[in-house]
Amino acid sequence: MNFVNKLKNKQFNLQQLADLCGTDPETVNEWREFCQRHKKLAPKSYGNGRVNHIWIQEMIDDVSNGVIAYGGQGNSSADCYVDNQKTETKAYKSKDKKFHVAASSFFASNCKVPEWKRLGKTTPAAESFLFEHSYDKNENYLLTSTSKLDLDFDDIEVIFISKDTLVKCLNPSDKRTAVLSEINKKIRRL
């Protein structure tokens, strides 16, 4: 079964992902319990993206039975791989209208922002620079409802979306962000 095609442009929860991937229910329950404990004992780190990004990716790897394989951090590898396709992970909150999907080097005042601003943000040169150093590096995006995480395991939603579909949902006035309502028009529930 080609899981990329089965998951592409779909939204699902972690239990649905586990069921599709034939994951051992004990693994799923261990992660469910981990989330409950972590949220109760350390709510600040549970909800902090700098802290929780890696364990959320490891959780998705385990819950998907390795179908969505953890990649790493930084320039040398993608956040994760689905059938060996480079996949970037980004977090959103279900109440978001827009959320950041460009490479983290385009966050706030990170390393690529000064050059992007110098190029004029919305000019063809700036857009080309943004795509070269962000979207063109990935084949897919894994969007998780884990921004400022306050959800329990069973309430976490995941959207697996192709880069080409995501690009059609970018905010015209700031292509570092995507418009969630546009994404929702282009995806289906698993």
C-alpha atoms as a PDB file:
ATOM      1  CA  MET A   1       0.000   0.000   0.000  1.00  0.00           C
ATOM      2  CA  ASN A   2       1.347   3.414  -0.913  1.00  0.00           C
ATOM      3  CA  PHE A   3       0.799   5.376   2.292  1.00  0.00           C
ATOM      4  CA  VAL A   4       1.763   8.672   0.694  1.00  0.00           C
ATOM      5  CA  ASN A   5      -1.243   8.471  -1.630  1.00  0.00           C
ATOM      6  CA  LYS A   6      -3.505   7.131   1.122  1.00  0.00           C
ATOM      7  CA  LEU A   7      -2.647  10.032   3.460  1.00  0.00           C
ATOM      8  CA  LYS A   8      -2.059  12.864   0.974  1.00  0.00           C
ATOM      9  CA  ASN A   9      -4.304  15.901   1.410  1.00  0.00           C
ATOM     10  CA  LYS A  10      -6.117  14.276   4.314  1.00  0.00           C
ATOM     11  CA  GLN A  11      -6.839  15.241   7.914  1.00  0.00           C
ATOM     12  CA  PHE A  12      -6.917  12.628  10.662  1.00  0.00           C
ATOM     13  CA  ASN A  13      -6.348  12.137  14.368  1.00  0.00           C
ATOM     14  CA  LEU A  14      -3.585  10.065  15.916  1.00  0.00           C
ATOM     15  CA  GLN A  15      -5.836   7.056  16.614  1.00  0.00           C
ATOM     16  CA  GLN A  16      -6.957   6.987  12.971  1.00  0.00           C
ATOM     17  CA  LEU A  17      -3.313   7.117  11.910  1.00  0.00           C
ATOM     18  CA  ALA A  18      -2.460   4.241  14.250  1.00  0.00           C
ATOM     19  CA  ASP A  19      -5.378   2.160  12.971  1.00  0.00           C
ATOM     20  CA  LEU A  20      -4.390   2.748   9.343  1.00  0.00           C
ATOM     21  CA  CYS A  21      -0.756   1.833  10.034  1.00  0.00           C
ATOM     22  CA  GLY A  22      -1.494  -1.246  12.145  1.00  0.00           C
ATOM     23  CA  THR A  23       0.262   0.155  15.205  1.00  0.00           C
ATOM     24  CA  ASP A  24       0.312  -1.890  18.409  1.00  0.00           C
ATOM     25  CA  PRO A  25      -2.449  -0.474  20.666  1.00  0.00           C
ATOM     26  CA  GLU A  26      -0.031  -0.575  23.623  1.00  0.00           C
ATOM     27  CA  THR A  27       2.255   1.910  21.844  1.00  0.00           C
ATOM     28  CA  VAL A  28      -0.704   4.225  21.270  1.00  0.00           C
ATOM     29  CA  ASN A  29      -1.780   3.933  24.917  1.00  0.00           C
ATOM     30  CA  GLU A  30       1.745   4.669  26.154  1.00  0.00           C
ATOM     31  CA  TRP A  31       1.773   7.913  24.154  1.00  0.00           C
ATOM     32  CA  ARG A  32      -1.745   8.760  25.336  1.00  0.00           C
ATOM     33  CA  GLU A  33      -0.580   8.328  28.956  1.00  0.00           C
ATOM     34  CA  PHE A  34       2.644  10.259  28.289  1.00  0.00           C
ATOM     35  CA  CYS A  35       0.631  13.224  26.979  1.00  0.00           C
ATOM     36  CA  GLN A  36      -1.690  13.159  30.012  1.00  0.00           C
ATOM     37  CA  ARG A  37       1.217  13.001  32.453  1.00  0.00           C
ATOM     38  CA  HIS A  38       3.329  15.596  30.659  1.00  0.00           C
ATOM     39  CA  LYS A  39       0.403  18.036  30.391  1.00  0.00           C
ATOM     40  CA  LYS A  40      -0.341  17.635  34.110  1.00  0.00           C
ATOM     41  CA  LEU A  41       3.221  17.691  35.476  1.00  0.00           C
ATOM     42  CA  ALA A  42       4.935  20.131  33.095  1.00  0.00           C
ATOM     43  CA  PRO A  43       2.302  22.232  31.296  1.00  0.00           C
ATOM     44  CA  LYS A  44       4.792  24.938  30.274  1.00  0.00           C
ATOM     45  CA  SER A  45       7.018  22.521  28.364  1.00  0.00           C
ATOM     46  CA  TYR A  46       3.996  20.594  27.051  1.00  0.00           C
ATOM     47  CA  GLY A  47       2.700  23.743  25.349  1.00  0.00           C
ATOM     48  CA  ASN A  48       6.043  25.186  24.237  1.00  0.00           C
ATOM     49  CA  GLY A  49       6.951  24.571  20.576  1.00  0.00           C
ATOM     50  CA  ARG A  50      10.688  24.879  21.199  1.00  0.00           C
ATOM     51  CA  VAL A  51      10.435  22.084  23.751  1.00  0.00           C
ATOM     52  CA  ASN A  52       7.792  19.789  22.294  1.00  0.00           C
ATOM     53  CA  HIS A  53       8.669  19.776  18.571  1.00  0.00           C
ATOM     54  CA  ILE A  54      10.956  16.734  18.765  1.00  0.00           C
ATOM     55  CA  TRP A  55       8.847  14.542  21.066  1.00  0.00           C
ATOM     56  CA  ILE A  56       5.739  15.255  18.971  1.00  0.00           C
ATOM     57  CA  GLN A  57       7.627  14.111  15.874  1.00  0.00           C
ATOM     58  CA  GLU A  58       8.833  10.991  17.707  1.00  0.00           C
ATOM     59  CA  MET A  59       5.254  10.326  18.851  1.00  0.00           C
ATOM     60  CA  ILE A  60       3.960  10.559  15.275  1.00  0.00           C
ATOM     61  CA  ASP A  61       6.736   8.192  14.142  1.00  0.00           C
ATOM     62  CA  ASP A  62       5.706   5.629  16.792  1.00  0.00           C
ATOM     63  CA  VAL A  63       1.955   6.076  16.323  1.00  0.00           C
ATOM     64  CA  SER A  64       2.337   5.687  12.541  1.00  0.00           C
ATOM     65  CA  ASN A  65       4.402   2.526  13.060  1.00  0.00           C
ATOM     66  CA  GLY A  66       7.295   4.245  11.268  1.00  0.00           C
ATOM     67  CA  VAL A  67       5.269   5.211   8.180  1.00  0.00           C
ATOM     68  CA  ILE A  68       5.915   8.878   9.048  1.00  0.00           C
ATOM     69  CA  ALA A  69       9.553   8.446  10.001  1.00  0.00           C
ATOM     70  CA  TYR A  70      11.350  10.970  12.198  1.00  0.00           C
ATOM     71  CA  GLY A  71      14.065  12.758  10.247  1.00  0.00           C
ATOM     72  CA  GLY A  72      15.874  15.303  12.355  1.00  0.00           C
ATOM     73  CA  GLN A  73      16.510  18.968  12.784  1.00  0.00           C
ATOM     74  CA  GLY A  74      18.530  21.415  10.755  1.00  0.00           C
ATOM     75  CA  ASN A  75      19.748  21.620   7.187  1.00  0.00           C
ATOM     76  CA  SER A  76      20.908  18.063   6.578  1.00  0.00           C
ATOM     77  CA  SER A  77      17.606  16.218   6.897  1.00  0.00           C
ATOM     78  CA  ALA A  78      13.890  16.870   6.699  1.00  0.00           C
ATOM     79  CA  ASP A  79      11.742  16.924   9.848  1.00  0.00           C
ATOM     80  CA  CYS A  80      10.293  13.598   8.730  1.00  0.00           C
ATOM     81  CA  TYR A  81       9.952  11.300   5.751  1.00  0.00           C
ATOM     82  CA  VAL A  82       6.891   9.589   4.327  1.00  0.00           C
ATOM     83  CA  ASP A  83       7.887   6.879   1.868  1.00  0.00           C
ATOM     84  CA  ASN A  84      11.315   8.580   1.661  1.00  0.00           C
ATOM     85  CA  GLN A  85       9.713  11.886   0.621  1.00  0.00           C
ATOM     86  CA  LYS A  86      10.969  14.971   2.476  1.00  0.00           C
ATOM     87  CA  THR A  87       8.243  16.277   4.731  1.00  0.00           C
ATOM     88  CA  GLU A  88       8.284  19.462   6.805  1.00  0.00           C
ATOM     89  CA  THR A  89       6.356  19.536  10.077  1.00  0.00           C
ATOM     90  CA  LYS A  90       4.545  22.733  11.096  1.00  0.00           C
ATOM     91  CA  ALA A  91       2.169  23.402  13.965  1.00  0.00           C
ATOM     92  CA  TYR A  92      -1.089  25.298  13.911  1.00  0.00           C
ATOM     93  CA  LYS A  93      -3.916  25.952  16.347  1.00  0.00           C
ATOM     94  CA  SER A  94      -7.380  25.013  15.091  1.00  0.00           C
ATOM     95  CA  LYS A  95      -8.564  28.588  15.822  1.00  0.00           C
ATOM     96  CA  ASP A  96      -5.834  30.060  13.585  1.00  0.00           C
ATOM     97  CA  LYS A  97      -6.858  31.929  10.460  1.00  0.00           C
ATOM     98  CA  LYS A  98      -3.247  31.988   9.238  1.00  0.00           C
ATOM     99  CA  PHE A  99      -0.152  30.208  10.506  1.00  0.00           C
ATOM    100  CA  HIS A 100       3.542  30.049   9.671  1.00  0.00           C
ATOM    101  CA  VAL A 101       4.538  27.313   7.200  1.00  0.00           C
ATOM    102  CA  ALA A 102       7.784  28.629   5.706  1.00  0.00           C
ATOM    103  CA  ALA A 103      11.122  27.320   6.924  1.00  0.00           C
ATOM    104  CA  SER A 104      11.934  28.401  10.459  1.00  0.00           C
ATOM    105  CA  SER A 105      14.801  30.489   9.056  1.00  0.00           C
ATOM    106  CA  PHE A 106      11.981  32.833   7.956  1.00  0.00           C
ATOM    107  CA  PHE A 107      10.482  33.153  11.492  1.00  0.00           C
ATOM    108  CA  ALA A 108      10.676  36.472  13.342  1.00  0.00           C
ATOM    109  CA  SER A 109      14.214  37.797  12.816  1.00  0.00           C
ATOM    110  CA  ASN A 110      15.914  34.516  11.955  1.00  0.00           C
ATOM    111  CA  CYS A 111      18.756  34.249   9.437  1.00  0.00           C
ATOM    112  CA  LYS A 112      16.825  34.498   6.124  1.00  0.00           C
ATOM    113  CA  VAL A 113      14.493  37.332   7.157  1.00  0.00           C
ATOM    114  CA  PRO A 114      16.883  40.271   6.553  1.00  0.00           C
ATOM    115  CA  GLU A 115      17.595  39.175   2.956  1.00  0.00           C
ATOM    116  CA  TRP A 116      13.896  38.467   2.295  1.00  0.00           C
ATOM    117  CA  LYS A 117      13.011  41.949   3.609  1.00  0.00           C
ATOM    118  CA  ARG A 118      15.822  43.533   1.589  1.00  0.00           C
ATOM    119  CA  LEU A 119      14.358  41.916  -1.531  1.00  0.00           C
ATOM    120  CA  GLY A 120      11.017  43.566  -0.769  1.00  0.00           C
ATOM    121  CA  LYS A 121       8.941  40.744   0.842  1.00  0.00           C
ATOM    122  CA  THR A 122       6.304  40.605  -1.919  1.00  0.00           C
ATOM    123  CA  THR A 123       8.461  41.154  -5.002  1.00  0.00           C
ATOM    124  CA  PRO A 124       9.146  38.318  -7.442  1.00  0.00           C
ATOM    125  CA  ALA A 125      12.778  38.236  -6.216  1.00  0.00           C
ATOM    126  CA  ALA A 126      11.670  37.907  -2.580  1.00  0.00           C
ATOM    127  CA  GLU A 127       9.165  35.187  -3.467  1.00  0.00           C
ATOM    128  CA  SER A 128      11.805  33.294  -5.432  1.00  0.00           C
ATOM    129  CA  PHE A 129      14.199  33.552  -2.468  1.00  0.00           C
ATOM    130  CA  LEU A 130      11.493  32.330  -0.063  1.00  0.00           C
ATOM    131  CA  PHE A 131      10.615  29.343  -2.239  1.00  0.00           C
ATOM    132  CA  GLU A 132      14.257  28.409  -2.880  1.00  0.00           C
ATOM    133  CA  HIS A 133      15.103  28.370   0.824  1.00  0.00           C
ATOM    134  CA  SER A 134      11.820  26.975   2.083  1.00  0.00           C
ATOM    135  CA  TYR A 135       9.080  25.274   0.067  1.00  0.00           C
ATOM    136  CA  ASP A 136      11.233  23.879  -2.740  1.00  0.00           C
ATOM    137  CA  LYS A 137      13.120  21.718  -0.226  1.00  0.00           C
ATOM    138  CA  ASN A 138      10.053  19.605   0.643  1.00  0.00           C
ATOM    139  CA  GLU A 139       7.628  17.324  -1.127  1.00  0.00           C
ATOM    140  CA  ASN A 140       4.987  17.306   1.612  1.00  0.00           C
ATOM    141  CA  TYR A 141       3.953  19.035   4.815  1.00  0.00           C
ATOM    142  CA  LEU A 142       2.731  17.484   8.043  1.00  0.00           C
ATOM    143  CA  LEU A 143       0.611  20.070   9.820  1.00  0.00           C
ATOM    144  CA  THR A 144      -0.244  19.293  13.443  1.00  0.00           C
ATOM    145  CA  SER A 145      -2.747  21.035  15.704  1.00  0.00           C
ATOM    146  CA  THR A 146      -0.040  21.302  18.367  1.00  0.00           C
ATOM    147  CA  SER A 147       0.793  25.018  18.347  1.00  0.00           C
ATOM    148  CA  LYS A 148       0.707  26.226  21.956  1.00  0.00           C
ATOM    149  CA  LEU A 149      -0.350  22.678  22.703  1.00  0.00           C
ATOM    150  CA  ASP A 150      -3.178  22.386  25.193  1.00  0.00           C
ATOM    151  CA  LEU A 151      -4.899  19.357  23.661  1.00  0.00           C
ATOM    152  CA  ASP A 152      -5.048  15.809  24.916  1.00  0.00           C
ATOM    153  CA  PHE A 153      -3.659  13.027  22.706  1.00  0.00           C
ATOM    154  CA  ASP A 154      -7.088  12.127  21.304  1.00  0.00           C
ATOM    155  CA  ASP A 155      -7.796  15.709  20.235  1.00  0.00           C
ATOM    156  CA  ILE A 156      -4.603  16.243  18.214  1.00  0.00           C
ATOM    157  CA  GLU A 157      -5.327  16.561  14.501  1.00  0.00           C
ATOM    158  CA  VAL A 158      -2.846  16.036  11.679  1.00  0.00           C
ATOM    159  CA  ILE A 159      -3.046  17.261   8.085  1.00  0.00           C
ATOM    160  CA  PHE A 160      -0.768  15.583   5.552  1.00  0.00           C
ATOM    161  CA  ILE A 161      -0.660  17.871   2.527  1.00  0.00           C
ATOM    162  CA  SER A 162       1.403  17.975  -0.641  1.00  0.00           C
ATOM    163  CA  LYS A 163       3.657  20.978  -1.150  1.00  0.00           C
ATOM    164  CA  ASP A 164       1.806  21.825  -4.366  1.00  0.00           C
ATOM    165  CA  THR A 165      -1.545  21.924  -2.553  1.00  0.00           C
ATOM    166  CA  LEU A 166      -0.120  23.888   0.382  1.00  0.00           C
ATOM    167  CA  VAL A 167       1.375  26.508  -1.940  1.00  0.00           C
ATOM    168  CA  LYS A 168      -2.122  27.154  -3.346  1.00  0.00           C
ATOM    169  CA  CYS A 169      -3.195  28.022   0.218  1.00  0.00           C
ATOM    170  CA  LEU A 170      -0.490  30.567   1.004  1.00  0.00           C
ATOM    171  CA  ASN A 171      -1.508  33.992   2.233  1.00  0.00           C
ATOM    172  CA  PRO A 172      -1.109  36.335  -0.783  1.00  0.00           C
ATOM    173  CA  SER A 173       0.139  39.196   1.411  1.00  0.00           C
ATOM    174  CA  ASP A 174       2.715  37.079   3.321  1.00  0.00           C
ATOM    175  CA  LYS A 175       3.668  33.822   1.635  1.00  0.00           C
ATOM    176  CA  ARG A 176       5.448  32.655   4.780  1.00  0.00           C
ATOM    177  CA  THR A 177       1.983  31.820   6.121  1.00  0.00           C
ATOM    178  CA  ALA A 178      -0.899  29.610   5.002  1.00  0.00           C
ATOM    179  CA  VAL A 179      -4.626  30.299   5.311  1.00  0.00           C
ATOM    180  CA  LEU A 180      -6.265  27.469   7.280  1.00  0.00           C
ATOM    181  CA  SER A 181      -9.716  27.953   5.699  1.00  0.00           C
ATOM    182  CA  GLU A 182      -8.129  27.495   2.249  1.00  0.00           C
ATOM    183  CA  ILE A 183      -6.383  24.317   3.383  1.00  0.00           C
ATOM    184  CA  ASN A 184      -9.671  22.989   4.757  1.00  0.00           C
ATOM    185  CA  LYS A 185     -11.263  23.461   1.324  1.00  0.00           C
ATOM    186  CA  LYS A 186      -8.591  21.294  -0.322  1.00  0.00           C
ATOM    187  CA  ILE A 187      -8.356  18.372   2.100  1.00  0.00           C
ATOM    188  CA  ARG A 188     -10.650  15.558   3.184  1.00  0.00           C
ATOM    189  CA  ARG A 189     -11.066  13.605   6.396  1.00  0.00           C
ATOM    190  CA  LEU A 190      -9.436  10.166   6.427  1.00  0.00           C
END
